[in-house]
Protein backbone atom coordinates (compact mmCIF):
# COMPACT_ATOMS: atom_id res chain seq x y z
CA MET A 1 0.00 0.00 0.00
CA ALA A 2 1.27 3.46 -0.87
CA THR A 3 1.81 5.99 1.84
CA PRO A 4 -0.03 9.30 1.35
CA ASN A 5 2.32 12.16 0.62
CA PRO A 6 1.60 15.86 1.03
CA ILE A 7 2.10 18.05 -2.00
CA ALA A 8 3.78 21.40 -1.48
CA GLY A 9 1.21 24.10 -0.92
CA SER A 10 -1.75 21.78 -0.36
CA GLY A 11 -2.49 23.32 3.04
CA THR A 12 -4.68 20.42 4.19
CA ASN A 13 -4.22 16.81 5.17
CA PRO A 14 -3.62 14.77 2.03
CA PRO A 15 -6.15 12.13 1.06
CA LYS A 16 -5.27 8.51 1.69
CA ILE A 17 -4.11 6.89 -1.55
CA ILE A 18 -4.27 3.11 -1.77
CA TRP A 19 -2.20 0.87 -4.04
CA ASN A 20 -4.64 -1.59 -5.63
CA GLU A 21 -2.16 -4.04 -7.13
CA ALA A 22 -4.86 -6.43 -8.43
CA GLN A 23 -6.45 -3.71 -10.59
CA ARG A 24 -3.09 -2.04 -11.34
CA ARG A 25 -4.00 1.36 -10.01
CA PHE A 26 -3.54 3.85 -7.21
CA GLU A 27 -6.88 5.09 -5.91
CA THR A 28 -8.63 7.14 -3.29
CA GLU A 29 -10.35 5.26 -0.47
CA ASP A 30 -13.72 5.64 -2.20
CA LYS A 31 -12.16 4.26 -5.43
CA LYS A 32 -13.62 7.13 -7.46
CA ALA A 33 -10.34 8.84 -8.35
CA TYR A 34 -7.47 6.74 -9.64
CA LEU A 35 -4.25 6.47 -11.60
CA GLN A 36 -4.05 3.37 -13.79
CA TYR A 37 -0.78 1.78 -14.88
CA VAL A 38 0.73 -1.15 -16.77
CA ILE A 39 3.88 -2.96 -15.67
CA LYS A 40 6.28 -3.72 -18.53
CA ASN A 41 9.53 -5.54 -19.12
CA GLN A 42 9.37 -8.13 -16.38
CA GLY A 43 8.48 -5.56 -13.74
CA LYS A 44 11.19 -2.99 -14.48
CA VAL A 45 9.00 -0.27 -15.99
CA ILE A 46 5.71 1.27 -14.87
CA ASP A 47 3.71 2.91 -17.65
CA MET A 48 1.27 5.37 -16.09
CA ILE A 49 -1.50 5.33 -18.68
CA HIS A 50 -4.52 7.15 -17.23
CA THR A 51 -5.50 9.45 -14.38
CA PHE A 52 -9.17 10.00 -13.56
CA VAL A 53 -10.85 12.32 -11.08
CA PRO A 54 -14.66 12.64 -11.19
CA SER A 55 -15.97 16.14 -11.87
CA SER A 56 -17.38 16.36 -8.34
CA LYS A 57 -13.85 16.01 -6.91
CA ARG A 58 -11.84 18.10 -9.37
CA GLY A 59 -9.86 21.08 -8.15
CA LEU A 60 -8.89 19.37 -4.87
CA GLY A 61 -5.45 18.23 -5.99
CA LEU A 62 -6.40 14.55 -6.09
CA ALA A 63 -4.67 13.89 -9.41
CA SER A 64 -1.45 15.32 -8.01
CA HIS A 65 -1.73 13.16 -4.87
CA LEU A 66 -2.33 10.07 -7.01
CA CYS A 67 0.75 10.87 -9.09
CA ALA A 68 2.92 11.46 -6.03
CA ALA A 69 1.87 8.09 -4.60
CA ALA A 70 2.63 6.35 -7.91
CA PHE A 71 6.02 8.05 -8.27
CA ASN A 72 6.91 7.24 -4.66
CA HIS A 73 5.99 3.62 -5.37
CA ALA A 74 8.15 3.62 -8.51
CA ALA A 75 11.09 5.05 -6.57
CA ALA A 76 10.70 2.56 -3.73
CA HIS A 77 10.58 -0.37 -6.19
CA SER A 78 13.34 0.88 -8.54
CA LEU A 79 10.94 1.21 -11.48
CA ALA A 80 11.51 3.45 -14.48
CA VAL A 81 8.43 5.51 -15.36
CA VAL A 82 6.77 6.03 -18.74
CA PRO A 83 4.29 8.93 -18.36
CA SER A 84 1.79 8.00 -21.11
CA CYS A 85 -1.04 9.88 -19.36
CA SER A 86 -1.20 13.44 -20.68
CA TYR A 87 -1.96 14.86 -17.22
CA ILE A 88 1.26 13.33 -15.88
CA SER A 89 3.47 14.37 -18.80
CA ASP A 90 1.95 17.81 -19.45
CA THR A 91 0.92 19.00 -15.97
CA PHE A 92 2.29 16.96 -13.06
CA LEU A 93 5.90 16.57 -14.20
CA PRO A 94 6.41 20.21 -15.27
CA ARG A 95 5.10 21.25 -11.83
CA ASN A 96 7.16 18.57 -10.03
CA PRO A 97 10.44 18.20 -11.96
CA THR A 98 12.15 16.44 -9.06
CA TRP A 99 10.52 13.22 -10.32
CA ASN A 100 12.18 13.44 -13.75
CA HIS A 101 15.06 11.23 -12.63
CA LEU A 102 12.65 8.27 -12.63
CA LEU A 103 11.61 8.68 -16.25
CA TYR A 104 12.44 5.89 -18.66
CA SER A 105 15.26 6.79 -21.01
CA GLU A 106 16.35 4.66 -23.95
CA ASP A 107 19.83 6.13 -23.67
CA LYS A 108 20.37 4.91 -20.10
CA THR A 109 18.32 1.72 -20.11
CA SER A 110 17.81 0.54 -23.68
CA ASN A 111 17.02 -3.00 -22.51
CA LEU A 112 13.99 -2.01 -20.41
CA LEU A 113 11.25 -2.02 -23.05
């Protein structure tokens, strides 16, 4: 199970994010917001393919919390990250560049995919 992590500037207690390994996703306790992933190359790469937050919960920073939990999980398990989800690649990573060191790179690890 992933440990909830506060995001800079959130100002409130972060939501509890749960690692649902069976469904390959990180999700809120109510299971309504989630980040879905696929594991590739014998467990060496995590491809984060989709982030979903229902309209009733948007604007609360849930997507960012889901991403932080997934990136913490990747770091803890020595996984390279492929950010296929446009929210992750276009919004989360530019706002949180400290995670860039986990990104999959063909130059460094050409045998991963």
